[in-house]
Amino acid sequence: MPNITMQKIAELTGVSLKTVSRVVNKEDGVSQKTRDKVEAVIQKLDFQPNPAARGLAAAKSFLIALLYDNPSTAYIISLQNGALAACKEHNFGLLIDPCKHQDADLVSDIRSLARRSRVDGLLLTPPLCDMEEVLDMLDERNLKYVRISPLEKSDRSPFVYADEFQAAYRMTEYLISQGHVRIGLVTGHPNRSGTEMRLRGYRKAIEDNALHVEEELIIPGDYTFESGESAARRLLRADERPTAIFASNDYMASGVLKVANQMKLRVPYDLSVAGYDDAPLAQRLWPRLTTVRHPVEQVSREATEILIRYLNGETPEFNPETMHSELVIRESTGPLLD
């Protein structure tokens, strides 16, 4: 049937236009019986809401912006997949915009983006979610936002995060349980909240197991393959090299594996290597990479769900349930051999 509108749906189902709108937008305030009746007609007529007309009627764009600054392709894809799934369910659009947190014009660029695109709200990832100047600008413009994995868990806005401290603690403790005492750590970019939390987890696990934190075993990286290579060369050329290396993401861990192979070190017999994120390449390397399965997609989807509820006038949740990561043990780690 041509030119099917929400008004036509309302006439066919005998309910108000507002009720149809609530069903289409997946809002509360509609009984399940009425919702089922309206959805049955929508499905039968293959009704697709017109985004422009919907936005005009509601004085909203039904568009969310996801802002990120991260070199990890796997991380970015997982972020996008989680946000897109929630947006699709609630008939919102998603605008994806890469940012450079060190750009002098960052705040004005985000302000301009919000004005041009008329986004209703924003999803902010590290380090953007911890930049006071960005948050101040959004507050001044009364733009709603949800932070993903902020370092500071303040009640300034809703936020969602996974416990990266605990994940790094468990991975370090696992390596200690395998007999490793000298465990190298390749950290991530210093401006990322995850970098700090993973470093804290590593330190705490070593201290709790009555070992000494050796600062020379902590090497900075920036979440790239090349920084993993560079860090591995520093660690493995030392007079007393570590017997295990924990890299703060899988790309850096793959750089460690390359250097170990070049130095003819057998993994895991001469060196255990662990990563973080469980990116697709973790299972494509050999040996397959022991890693932390970080629930990025789940976190992103939950953050988007909260933002949409926030935009629909619900009270935002300032104390979300912590999402936990999972250790994935594969062939790249093993017991320390005498």
C-alpha atoms as a PDB file:
ATOM      1  CA  MET A   1       0.000   0.000   0.000  1.00  0.00           C
ATOM      2  CA  PRO A   2       1.493   3.374  -1.026  1.00  0.00           C
ATOM      3  CA  ASN A   3       1.854   6.398   1.273  1.00  0.00           C
ATOM      4  CA  ILE A   4       1.386   4.524   4.524  1.00  0.00           C
ATOM      5  CA  THR A   5       1.666   7.001   7.408  1.00  0.00           C
ATOM      6  CA  MET A   6       1.444   6.748  11.169  1.00  0.00           C
ATOM      7  CA  GLN A   7      -1.915   8.472  10.932  1.00  0.00           C
ATOM      8  CA  LYS A   8      -3.123   5.652   8.650  1.00  0.00           C
ATOM      9  CA  ILE A   9      -1.782   3.065  11.112  1.00  0.00           C
ATOM     10  CA  ALA A  10      -3.699   4.835  13.887  1.00  0.00           C
ATOM     11  CA  GLU A  11      -6.959   4.727  11.878  1.00  0.00           C
ATOM     12  CA  LEU A  12      -6.547   1.032  11.015  1.00  0.00           C
ATOM     13  CA  THR A  13      -5.824   0.034  14.626  1.00  0.00           C
ATOM     14  CA  GLY A  14      -8.268   2.399  16.302  1.00  0.00           C
ATOM     15  CA  VAL A  15      -5.654   4.004  18.532  1.00  0.00           C
ATOM     16  CA  SER A  16      -4.290   7.542  18.756  1.00  0.00           C
ATOM     17  CA  LEU A  17      -1.456   8.871  16.629  1.00  0.00           C
ATOM     18  CA  LYS A  18       0.548   9.364  19.834  1.00  0.00           C
ATOM     19  CA  THR A  19       0.170   5.687  20.686  1.00  0.00           C
ATOM     20  CA  VAL A  20       1.422   4.668  17.251  1.00  0.00           C
ATOM     21  CA  SER A  21       4.365   7.056  17.672  1.00  0.00           C
ATOM     22  CA  ARG A  22       5.210   5.477  21.027  1.00  0.00           C
ATOM     23  CA  VAL A  23       5.168   2.005  19.488  1.00  0.00           C
ATOM     24  CA  VAL A  24       7.323   3.085  16.528  1.00  0.00           C
ATOM     25  CA  ASN A  25       9.814   4.799  18.844  1.00  0.00           C
ATOM     26  CA  LYS A  26       9.742   1.903  21.334  1.00  0.00           C
ATOM     27  CA  GLU A  27       8.670   4.167  24.181  1.00  0.00           C
ATOM     28  CA  ASP A  28       6.871   3.140  27.359  1.00  0.00           C
ATOM     29  CA  GLY A  29       3.256   3.935  28.162  1.00  0.00           C
ATOM     30  CA  VAL A  30       1.588   1.407  25.838  1.00  0.00           C
ATOM     31  CA  SER A  31      -0.009  -1.844  27.000  1.00  0.00           C
ATOM     32  CA  GLN A  32       1.426  -5.031  25.546  1.00  0.00           C
ATOM     33  CA  LYS A  33      -1.913  -5.888  23.915  1.00  0.00           C
ATOM     34  CA  THR A  34      -2.065  -2.543  22.107  1.00  0.00           C
ATOM     35  CA  ARG A  35       1.609  -2.692  21.207  1.00  0.00           C
ATOM     36  CA  ASP A  36       1.151  -6.145  19.649  1.00  0.00           C
ATOM     37  CA  LYS A  37      -1.864  -4.940  17.624  1.00  0.00           C
ATOM     38  CA  VAL A  38      -0.036  -1.892  16.263  1.00  0.00           C
ATOM     39  CA  GLU A  39       3.146  -3.837  15.495  1.00  0.00           C
ATOM     40  CA  ALA A  40       1.133  -6.473  13.626  1.00  0.00           C
ATOM     41  CA  VAL A  41      -0.316  -3.806  11.302  1.00  0.00           C
ATOM     42  CA  ILE A  42       3.108  -2.166  10.891  1.00  0.00           C
ATOM     43  CA  GLN A  43       4.609  -5.494   9.883  1.00  0.00           C
ATOM     44  CA  LYS A  44       1.725  -6.401   7.557  1.00  0.00           C
ATOM     45  CA  LEU A  45       1.949  -3.074   5.705  1.00  0.00           C
ATOM     46  CA  ASP A  46       5.771  -3.005   5.835  1.00  0.00           C
ATOM     47  CA  PHE A  47       5.600   0.503   7.248  1.00  0.00           C
ATOM     48  CA  GLN A  48       8.925   2.381   7.439  1.00  0.00           C
ATOM     49  CA  PRO A  49       8.912   5.700   9.341  1.00  0.00           C
ATOM     50  CA  ASN A  50      10.141   8.722   7.426  1.00  0.00           C
ATOM     51  CA  PRO A  51      13.140  10.022   9.425  1.00  0.00           C
ATOM     52  CA  ALA A  52      12.723  13.615   8.273  1.00  0.00           C
ATOM     53  CA  ALA A  53       9.008  13.767   9.073  1.00  0.00           C
ATOM     54  CA  ARG A  54       9.594  11.974  12.354  1.00  0.00           C
ATOM     55  CA  GLY A  55      12.272  14.476  13.318  1.00  0.00           C
ATOM     56  CA  LEU A  56      10.137  17.480  12.453  1.00  0.00           C
ATOM     57  CA  ALA A  57       7.188  16.150  14.423  1.00  0.00           C
ATOM     58  CA  ALA A  58       9.304  15.529  17.495  1.00  0.00           C
ATOM     59  CA  ALA A  59      11.620  18.542  17.086  1.00  0.00           C
ATOM     60  CA  LYS A  60      14.485  16.050  17.162  1.00  0.00           C
ATOM     61  CA  SER A  61      16.911  14.653  14.621  1.00  0.00           C
ATOM     62  CA  PHE A  62      16.905  11.099  16.007  1.00  0.00           C
ATOM     63  CA  LEU A  63      20.627  11.134  15.344  1.00  0.00           C
ATOM     64  CA  ILE A  64      23.447  10.229  17.751  1.00  0.00           C
ATOM     65  CA  ALA A  65      27.141  10.981  17.263  1.00  0.00           C
ATOM     66  CA  LEU A  66      29.861   8.525  18.298  1.00  0.00           C
ATOM     67  CA  LEU A  67      33.203  10.291  18.803  1.00  0.00           C
ATOM     68  CA  TYR A  68      36.450   8.353  19.163  1.00  0.00           C
ATOM     69  CA  ASP A  69      40.218   8.728  19.044  1.00  0.00           C
ATOM     70  CA  ASN A  70      41.826   5.297  18.946  1.00  0.00           C
ATOM     71  CA  PRO A  71      44.206   3.580  16.474  1.00  0.00           C
ATOM     72  CA  SER A  72      42.769   0.082  17.050  1.00  0.00           C
ATOM     73  CA  THR A  73      40.581  -0.990  14.126  1.00  0.00           C
ATOM     74  CA  ALA A  74      39.090  -3.871  16.106  1.00  0.00           C
ATOM     75  CA  TYR A  75      38.134  -1.534  18.960  1.00  0.00           C
ATOM     76  CA  ILE A  76      36.517   0.970  16.593  1.00  0.00           C
ATOM     77  CA  ILE A  77      34.527  -1.727  14.782  1.00  0.00           C
ATOM     78  CA  SER A  78      33.269  -3.165  18.073  1.00  0.00           C
ATOM     79  CA  LEU A  79      32.263   0.318  19.242  1.00  0.00           C
ATOM     80  CA  GLN A  80      30.354   0.927  16.028  1.00  0.00           C
ATOM     81  CA  ASN A  81      28.642  -2.465  16.047  1.00  0.00           C
ATOM     82  CA  GLY A  82      27.348  -2.002  19.589  1.00  0.00           C
ATOM     83  CA  ALA A  83      26.055   1.521  18.960  1.00  0.00           C
ATOM     84  CA  LEU A  84      24.510   0.592  15.592  1.00  0.00           C
ATOM     85  CA  ALA A  85      22.636  -2.355  17.104  1.00  0.00           C
ATOM     86  CA  ALA A  86      20.987  -0.125  19.727  1.00  0.00           C
ATOM     87  CA  CYS A  87      20.265   2.645  17.205  1.00  0.00           C
ATOM     88  CA  LYS A  88      18.646   0.202  14.800  1.00  0.00           C
ATOM     89  CA  GLU A  89      16.421  -1.177  17.540  1.00  0.00           C
ATOM     90  CA  HIS A  90      15.197   2.312  18.457  1.00  0.00           C
ATOM     91  CA  ASN A  91      15.087   3.815  14.949  1.00  0.00           C
ATOM     92  CA  PHE A  92      17.935   6.253  15.557  1.00  0.00           C
ATOM     93  CA  GLY A  93      20.687   7.142  13.140  1.00  0.00           C
ATOM     94  CA  LEU A  94      24.376   7.021  14.046  1.00  0.00           C
ATOM     95  CA  LEU A  95      26.993   9.552  12.982  1.00  0.00           C
ATOM     96  CA  ILE A  96      30.563   8.293  13.444  1.00  0.00           C
ATOM     97  CA  ASP A  97      33.316  10.886  13.730  1.00  0.00           C
ATOM     98  CA  PRO A  98      37.024  10.243  14.407  1.00  0.00           C
ATOM     99  CA  CYS A  99      38.698  12.958  16.474  1.00  0.00           C
ATOM    100  CA  LYS A 100      42.240  13.869  17.445  1.00  0.00           C
ATOM    101  CA  HIS A 101      42.232  14.818  21.109  1.00  0.00           C
ATOM    102  CA  GLN A 102      45.428  16.863  20.715  1.00  0.00           C
ATOM    103  CA  ASP A 103      44.012  19.119  17.980  1.00  0.00           C
ATOM    104  CA  ALA A 104      43.864  22.749  19.061  1.00  0.00           C
ATOM    105  CA  ASP A 105      40.443  23.104  17.412  1.00  0.00           C
ATOM    106  CA  LEU A 106      38.933  19.972  18.947  1.00  0.00           C
ATOM    107  CA  VAL A 107      36.246  21.716  21.029  1.00  0.00           C
ATOM    108  CA  SER A 108      35.173  24.056  18.227  1.00  0.00           C
ATOM    109  CA  ASP A 109      35.148  21.147  15.758  1.00  0.00           C
ATOM    110  CA  ILE A 110      32.813  19.126  18.001  1.00  0.00           C
ATOM    111  CA  ARG A 111      30.631  22.195  18.529  1.00  0.00           C
ATOM    112  CA  SER A 112      30.447  22.714  14.764  1.00  0.00           C
ATOM    113  CA  LEU A 113      29.669  19.030  14.156  1.00  0.00           C
ATOM    114  CA  ALA A 114      26.806  19.114  16.666  1.00  0.00           C
ATOM    115  CA  ARG A 115      25.390  22.284  15.117  1.00  0.00           C
ATOM    116  CA  ARG A 116      25.637  21.101  11.487  1.00  0.00           C
ATOM    117  CA  SER A 117      24.281  17.615  12.053  1.00  0.00           C
ATOM    118  CA  ARG A 118      21.687  18.598  14.693  1.00  0.00           C
ATOM    119  CA  VAL A 119      22.572  15.499  16.713  1.00  0.00           C
ATOM    120  CA  ASP A 120      20.387  14.881  19.747  1.00  0.00           C
ATOM    121  CA  GLY A 121      23.180  13.424  21.844  1.00  0.00           C
ATOM    122  CA  LEU A 122      26.743  12.099  21.835  1.00  0.00           C
ATOM    123  CA  LEU A 123      28.704   9.035  22.877  1.00  0.00           C
ATOM    124  CA  LEU A 124      32.163   9.978  24.144  1.00  0.00           C
ATOM    125  CA  THR A 125      35.035   7.490  24.301  1.00  0.00           C
ATOM    126  CA  PRO A 126      38.497   7.853  25.894  1.00  0.00           C
ATOM    127  CA  PRO A 127      40.219  10.249  26.086  1.00  0.00           C
ATOM    128  CA  LEU A 128      37.424  12.597  24.943  1.00  0.00           C
ATOM    129  CA  CYS A 129      35.168  11.477  27.799  1.00  0.00           C
ATOM    130  CA  ASP A 130      37.699  12.775  30.346  1.00  0.00           C
ATOM    131  CA  MET A 131      38.400  16.159  28.716  1.00  0.00           C
ATOM    132  CA  GLU A 132      36.830  18.868  30.856  1.00  0.00           C
ATOM    133  CA  GLU A 133      36.787  21.420  28.035  1.00  0.00           C
ATOM    134  CA  VAL A 134      34.712  19.069  25.856  1.00  0.00           C
ATOM    135  CA  LEU A 135      32.275  18.267  28.652  1.00  0.00           C
ATOM    136  CA  ASP A 136      31.950  21.953  29.589  1.00  0.00           C
ATOM    137  CA  MET A 137      31.069  22.883  26.002  1.00  0.00           C
ATOM    138  CA  LEU A 138      28.415  20.156  25.766  1.00  0.00           C
ATOM    139  CA  ASP A 139      26.924  21.176  29.116  1.00  0.00           C
ATOM    140  CA  GLU A 140      26.786  24.822  28.016  1.00  0.00           C
ATOM    141  CA  ARG A 141      24.926  23.819  24.845  1.00  0.00           C
ATOM    142  CA  ASN A 142      22.647  21.522  26.843  1.00  0.00           C
ATOM    143  CA  LEU A 143      23.644  18.568  24.677  1.00  0.00           C
ATOM    144  CA  LYS A 144      23.145  15.207  26.348  1.00  0.00           C
ATOM    145  CA  TYR A 145      25.988  12.716  26.319  1.00  0.00           C
ATOM    146  CA  VAL A 146      27.030   9.367  27.771  1.00  0.00           C
ATOM    147  CA  ARG A 147      30.666   8.559  28.554  1.00  0.00           C
ATOM    148  CA  ILE A 148      32.198   5.202  27.649  1.00  0.00           C
ATOM    149  CA  SER A 149      34.896   3.945  30.042  1.00  0.00           C
ATOM    150  CA  PRO A 150      35.871   7.259  31.671  1.00  0.00           C
ATOM    151  CA  LEU A 151      38.764   7.316  34.118  1.00  0.00           C
ATOM    152  CA  GLU A 152      36.834   9.557  36.494  1.00  0.00           C
ATOM    153  CA  LYS A 153      33.548   7.887  37.491  1.00  0.00           C
ATOM    154  CA  SER A 154      31.811  11.129  38.464  1.00  0.00           C
ATOM    155  CA  ASP A 155      28.059  11.719  38.276  1.00  0.00           C
ATOM    156  CA  ARG A 156      28.492  14.508  35.744  1.00  0.00           C
ATOM    157  CA  SER A 157      26.708  12.373  33.157  1.00  0.00           C
ATOM    158  CA  PRO A 158      25.710   8.737  32.702  1.00  0.00           C
ATOM    159  CA  PHE A 159      28.592   6.386  31.897  1.00  0.00           C
ATOM    160  CA  VAL A 160      29.252   2.731  31.140  1.00  0.00           C
ATOM    161  CA  TYR A 161      32.507   0.879  31.691  1.00  0.00           C
ATOM    162  CA  ALA A 162      34.158  -2.514  31.969  1.00  0.00           C
ATOM    163  CA  ASP A 163      36.419  -3.230  34.922  1.00  0.00           C
ATOM    164  CA  GLU A 164      39.806  -3.021  33.199  1.00  0.00           C
ATOM    165  CA  PHE A 165      41.671  -2.905  36.503  1.00  0.00           C
ATOM    166  CA  GLN A 166      40.300  -6.312  37.475  1.00  0.00           C
ATOM    167  CA  ALA A 167      40.937  -7.779  34.021  1.00  0.00           C
ATOM    168  CA  ALA A 168      44.600  -6.754  34.059  1.00  0.00           C
ATOM    169  CA  TYR A 169      44.912  -7.977  37.647  1.00  0.00           C
ATOM    170  CA  ARG A 170      43.587 -11.413  36.684  1.00  0.00           C
ATOM    171  CA  MET A 171      45.841 -11.729  33.634  1.00  0.00           C
ATOM    172  CA  THR A 172      48.933 -10.770  35.647  1.00  0.00           C
ATOM    173  CA  GLU A 173      47.942 -13.168  38.421  1.00  0.00           C
ATOM    174  CA  TYR A 174      47.454 -15.935  35.854  1.00  0.00           C
ATOM    175  CA  LEU A 175      50.992 -15.409  34.554  1.00  0.00           C
ATOM    176  CA  ILE A 176      52.303 -15.480  38.132  1.00  0.00           C
ATOM    177  CA  SER A 177      50.420 -18.747  38.703  1.00  0.00           C
ATOM    178  CA  GLN A 178      52.383 -20.189  35.773  1.00  0.00           C
ATOM    179  CA  GLY A 179      55.613 -19.510  37.668  1.00  0.00           C
ATOM    180  CA  HIS A 180      56.564 -16.213  36.015  1.00  0.00           C
ATOM    181  CA  VAL A 181      58.204 -13.676  38.319  1.00  0.00           C
ATOM    182  CA  ARG A 182      59.679 -11.207  35.830  1.00  0.00           C
ATOM    183  CA  ILE A 183      56.653 -10.074  33.832  1.00  0.00           C
ATOM    184  CA  GLY A 184      57.036  -7.238  31.367  1.00  0.00           C
ATOM    185  CA  LEU A 185      54.156  -4.862  30.689  1.00  0.00           C
ATOM    186  CA  VAL A 186      53.696  -2.862  27.496  1.00  0.00           C
ATOM    187  CA  THR A 187      51.351  -0.035  28.415  1.00  0.00           C
ATOM    188  CA  GLY A 188      48.997   1.787  26.080  1.00  0.00           C
ATOM    189  CA  HIS A 189      48.652   5.435  25.146  1.00  0.00           C
ATOM    190  CA  PRO A 190      48.965   7.608  28.294  1.00  0.00           C
ATOM    191  CA  ASN A 191      45.808   9.597  27.459  1.00  0.00           C
ATOM    192  CA  ARG A 192      43.521   6.543  27.546  1.00  0.00           C
ATOM    193  CA  SER A 193      41.672   5.602  30.745  1.00  0.00           C
ATOM    194  CA  GLY A 194      42.199   1.922  29.985  1.00  0.00           C
ATOM    195  CA  THR A 195      45.962   2.411  30.020  1.00  0.00           C
ATOM    196  CA  GLU A 196      45.945   3.664  33.592  1.00  0.00           C
ATOM    197  CA  MET A 197      43.512   1.012  34.858  1.00  0.00           C
ATOM    198  CA  ARG A 198      45.454  -1.852  33.253  1.00  0.00           C
ATOM    199  CA  LEU A 199      48.703  -0.541  34.724  1.00  0.00           C
ATOM    200  CA  ARG A 200      47.111  -0.346  38.181  1.00  0.00           C
ATOM    201  CA  GLY A 201      45.804  -3.903  37.863  1.00  0.00           C
ATOM    202  CA  TYR A 202      49.249  -5.193  36.862  1.00  0.00           C
ATOM    203  CA  ARG A 203      50.946  -3.436  39.772  1.00  0.00           C
ATOM    204  CA  LYS A 204      48.392  -4.605  42.337  1.00  0.00           C
ATOM    205  CA  ALA A 205      48.589  -8.244  41.243  1.00  0.00           C
ATOM    206  CA  ILE A 206      52.382  -8.238  41.574  1.00  0.00           C
ATOM    207  CA  GLU A 207      52.241  -6.595  45.005  1.00  0.00           C
ATOM    208  CA  ASP A 208      49.495  -8.931  46.251  1.00  0.00           C
ATOM    209  CA  ASN A 209      51.638 -11.922  45.298  1.00  0.00           C
ATOM    210  CA  ALA A 210      54.595 -10.652  47.371  1.00  0.00           C
ATOM    211  CA  LEU A 211      56.636  -9.738  44.293  1.00  0.00           C
ATOM    212  CA  HIS A 212      58.499  -6.537  43.564  1.00  0.00           C
ATOM    213  CA  VAL A 213      57.321  -4.164  40.829  1.00  0.00           C
ATOM    214  CA  GLU A 214      60.362  -3.632  38.605  1.00  0.00           C
ATOM    215  CA  GLU A 215      59.907  -0.312  36.823  1.00  0.00           C
ATOM    216  CA  GLU A 216      62.340  -1.264  34.048  1.00  0.00           C
ATOM    217  CA  LEU A 217      59.864  -3.976  33.004  1.00  0.00           C
ATOM    218  CA  ILE A 218      57.120  -1.399  32.327  1.00  0.00           C
ATOM    219  CA  ILE A 219      57.556  -0.020  28.797  1.00  0.00           C
ATOM    220  CA  PRO A 220      55.259   2.594  27.199  1.00  0.00           C
ATOM    221  CA  GLY A 221      53.422   1.823  23.985  1.00  0.00           C
ATOM    222  CA  ASP A 222      50.597   3.479  22.063  1.00  0.00           C
ATOM    223  CA  TYR A 223      48.363   0.542  21.076  1.00  0.00           C
ATOM    224  CA  THR A 224      50.065   0.087  17.691  1.00  0.00           C
ATOM    225  CA  PHE A 225      51.887  -2.950  16.303  1.00  0.00           C
ATOM    226  CA  GLU A 226      55.066  -0.891  15.889  1.00  0.00           C
ATOM    227  CA  SER A 227      55.096   0.235  19.524  1.00  0.00           C
ATOM    228  CA  GLY A 228      54.772  -3.420  20.567  1.00  0.00           C
ATOM    229  CA  GLU A 229      57.840  -4.259  18.464  1.00  0.00           C
ATOM    230  CA  SER A 230      59.840  -1.406  19.964  1.00  0.00           C
ATOM    231  CA  ALA A 231      58.878  -2.318  23.533  1.00  0.00           C
ATOM    232  CA  ALA A 232      59.704  -5.995  22.957  1.00  0.00           C
ATOM    233  CA  ARG A 233      63.201  -5.152  21.714  1.00  0.00           C
ATOM    234  CA  ARG A 234      63.873  -3.110  24.849  1.00  0.00           C
ATOM    235  CA  LEU A 235      62.605  -5.853  27.144  1.00  0.00           C
ATOM    236  CA  LEU A 236      64.144  -8.847  25.374  1.00  0.00           C
ATOM    237  CA  ARG A 237      67.591  -7.311  24.857  1.00  0.00           C
ATOM    238  CA  ALA A 238      68.009  -6.604  28.575  1.00  0.00           C
ATOM    239  CA  ASP A 239      70.667  -8.526  30.491  1.00  0.00           C
ATOM    240  CA  GLU A 240      67.924 -10.234  32.470  1.00  0.00           C
ATOM    241  CA  ARG A 241      64.929 -10.465  30.179  1.00  0.00           C
ATOM    242  CA  PRO A 242      61.375 -11.173  31.379  1.00  0.00           C
ATOM    243  CA  THR A 243      59.950 -14.659  30.963  1.00  0.00           C
ATOM    244  CA  ALA A 244      56.474 -13.267  30.179  1.00  0.00           C
ATOM    245  CA  ILE A 245      55.200 -10.091  28.517  1.00  0.00           C
ATOM    246  CA  PHE A 246      51.681  -8.728  28.945  1.00  0.00           C
ATOM    247  CA  ALA A 247      50.807  -6.172  26.261  1.00  0.00           C
ATOM    248  CA  SER A 248      47.883  -3.809  26.795  1.00  0.00           C
ATOM    249  CA  ASN A 249      46.305  -4.735  23.478  1.00  0.00           C
ATOM    250  CA  ASP A 250      46.561  -7.513  20.921  1.00  0.00           C
ATOM    251  CA  TYR A 251      48.226  -5.388  18.234  1.00  0.00           C
ATOM    252  CA  MET A 252      51.140  -4.657  20.546  1.00  0.00           C
ATOM    253  CA  ALA A 253      51.212  -8.306  21.631  1.00  0.00           C
ATOM    254  CA  SER A 254      51.523  -9.343  17.968  1.00  0.00           C
ATOM    255  CA  GLY A 255      54.526  -6.984  17.710  1.00  0.00           C
ATOM    256  CA  VAL A 256      56.049  -8.791  20.706  1.00  0.00           C
ATOM    257  CA  LEU A 257      55.498 -12.152  18.985  1.00  0.00           C
ATOM    258  CA  LYS A 258      57.287 -10.897  15.858  1.00  0.00           C
ATOM    259  CA  VAL A 259      60.362  -9.807  17.812  1.00  0.00           C
ATOM    260  CA  ALA A 260      60.407 -13.053  19.808  1.00  0.00           C
ATOM    261  CA  ASN A 261      60.375 -14.984  16.540  1.00  0.00           C
ATOM    262  CA  GLN A 262      63.190 -12.838  15.106  1.00  0.00           C
ATOM    263  CA  MET A 263      65.247 -13.545  18.231  1.00  0.00           C
ATOM    264  CA  LYS A 264      64.477 -17.264  17.878  1.00  0.00           C
ATOM    265  CA  LEU A 265      62.685 -17.380  21.239  1.00  0.00           C
ATOM    266  CA  ARG A 266      60.142 -20.164  21.410  1.00  0.00           C
ATOM    267  CA  VAL A 267      56.675 -19.038  22.529  1.00  0.00           C
ATOM    268  CA  PRO A 268      55.529 -20.111  25.096  1.00  0.00           C
ATOM    269  CA  TYR A 269      58.563 -22.232  26.113  1.00  0.00           C
ATOM    270  CA  ASP A 270      61.115 -19.401  26.256  1.00  0.00           C
ATOM    271  CA  LEU A 271      58.635 -16.535  26.545  1.00  0.00           C
ATOM    272  CA  SER A 272      54.926 -16.286  27.346  1.00  0.00           C
ATOM    273  CA  VAL A 273      53.009 -13.501  25.585  1.00  0.00           C
ATOM    274  CA  ALA A 274      49.558 -12.176  26.494  1.00  0.00           C
ATOM    275  CA  GLY A 275      47.423  -9.426  24.994  1.00  0.00           C
ATOM    276  CA  TYR A 276      44.197  -7.573  25.651  1.00  0.00           C
ATOM    277  CA  ASP A 277      40.908  -7.102  23.693  1.00  0.00           C
ATOM    278  CA  ASP A 278      40.595 -10.482  21.917  1.00  0.00           C
ATOM    279  CA  ALA A 279      40.752  -8.793  18.520  1.00  0.00           C
ATOM    280  CA  PRO A 280      40.174 -11.087  15.500  1.00  0.00           C
ATOM    281  CA  LEU A 281      43.916 -11.354  14.844  1.00  0.00           C
ATOM    282  CA  ALA A 282      44.403 -13.009  18.269  1.00  0.00           C
ATOM    283  CA  GLN A 283      43.213 -16.298  16.781  1.00  0.00           C
ATOM    284  CA  ARG A 284      44.976 -15.816  13.443  1.00  0.00           C
ATOM    285  CA  LEU A 285      48.471 -15.638  14.887  1.00  0.00           C
ATOM    286  CA  TRP A 286      50.544 -18.652  15.789  1.00  0.00           C
ATOM    287  CA  PRO A 287      50.757 -19.450  18.529  1.00  0.00           C
ATOM    288  CA  ARG A 288      47.243 -18.185  19.105  1.00  0.00           C
ATOM    289  CA  LEU A 289      47.223 -15.346  21.576  1.00  0.00           C
ATOM    290  CA  THR A 290      46.216 -15.572  25.228  1.00  0.00           C
ATOM    291  CA  THR A 291      44.251 -12.399  25.846  1.00  0.00           C
ATOM    292  CA  VAL A 292      41.483 -10.566  27.691  1.00  0.00           C
ATOM    293  CA  ARG A 293      38.099 -10.612  25.976  1.00  0.00           C
ATOM    294  CA  HIS A 294      37.044  -7.010  26.522  1.00  0.00           C
ATOM    295  CA  PRO A 295      33.260  -6.436  26.117  1.00  0.00           C
ATOM    296  CA  VAL A 296      33.603  -3.301  23.951  1.00  0.00           C
ATOM    297  CA  GLU A 297      30.528  -4.031  21.846  1.00  0.00           C
ATOM    298  CA  GLN A 298      28.395  -4.727  24.921  1.00  0.00           C
ATOM    299  CA  VAL A 299      29.612  -1.546  26.630  1.00  0.00           C
ATOM    300  CA  SER A 300      28.928   0.533  23.515  1.00  0.00           C
ATOM    301  CA  ARG A 301      25.456  -0.902  23.086  1.00  0.00           C
ATOM    302  CA  GLU A 302      24.549  -0.283  26.725  1.00  0.00           C
ATOM    303  CA  ALA A 303      25.872   3.284  26.531  1.00  0.00           C
ATOM    304  CA  THR A 304      23.733   3.909  23.445  1.00  0.00           C
ATOM    305  CA  GLU A 305      20.662   2.419  25.131  1.00  0.00           C
ATOM    306  CA  ILE A 306      21.180   4.744  28.108  1.00  0.00           C
ATOM    307  CA  LEU A 307      21.622   7.770  25.839  1.00  0.00           C
ATOM    308  CA  ILE A 308      18.424   6.989  23.939  1.00  0.00           C
ATOM    309  CA  ARG A 309      16.492   6.582  27.196  1.00  0.00           C
ATOM    310  CA  TYR A 310      18.050   9.842  28.365  1.00  0.00           C
ATOM    311  CA  LEU A 311      16.941  11.575  25.158  1.00  0.00           C
ATOM    312  CA  ASN A 312      13.437  10.175  25.619  1.00  0.00           C
ATOM    313  CA  GLY A 313      13.149  11.949  28.956  1.00  0.00           C
ATOM    314  CA  GLU A 314      13.965   9.117  31.338  1.00  0.00           C
ATOM    315  CA  THR A 315      16.139   9.620  34.402  1.00  0.00           C
ATOM    316  CA  PRO A 316      19.737   8.767  33.494  1.00  0.00           C
ATOM    317  CA  GLU A 317      21.517   5.963  35.317  1.00  0.00           C
ATOM    318  CA  PHE A 318      24.630   7.200  37.104  1.00  0.00           C
ATOM    319  CA  ASN A 319      25.634   3.870  38.636  1.00  0.00           C
ATOM    320  CA  PRO A 320      25.532   1.298  35.843  1.00  0.00           C
ATOM    321  CA  GLU A 321      26.375  -2.326  36.449  1.00  0.00           C
ATOM    322  CA  THR A 322      30.072  -2.992  35.899  1.00  0.00           C
ATOM    323  CA  MET A 323      30.734  -5.190  32.874  1.00  0.00           C
ATOM    324  CA  HIS A 324      33.422  -7.784  33.308  1.00  0.00           C
ATOM    325  CA  SER A 325      36.041  -9.076  30.908  1.00  0.00           C
ATOM    326  CA  GLU A 326      37.045 -12.697  30.422  1.00  0.00           C
ATOM    327  CA  LEU A 327      40.465 -14.346  30.295  1.00  0.00           C
ATOM    328  CA  VAL A 328      40.958 -16.371  27.116  1.00  0.00           C
ATOM    329  CA  ILE A 329      43.857 -18.790  27.555  1.00  0.00           C
ATOM    330  CA  ARG A 330      45.490 -19.968  24.331  1.00  0.00           C
ATOM    331  CA  GLU A 331      48.841 -21.346  23.190  1.00  0.00           C
ATOM    332  CA  SER A 332      50.987 -18.203  23.579  1.00  0.00           C
ATOM    333  CA  THR A 333      51.339 -18.645  27.356  1.00  0.00           C
ATOM    334  CA  GLY A 334      52.473 -21.543  29.466  1.00  0.00           C
ATOM    335  CA  PRO A 335      54.356 -22.584  32.610  1.00  0.00           C
ATOM    336  CA  LEU A 336      57.835 -21.244  33.299  1.00  0.00           C
ATOM    337  CA  LEU A 337      60.341 -23.958  32.394  1.00  0.00           C
ATOM    338  CA  ASP A 338      63.444 -24.549  34.520  1.00  0.00           C
END
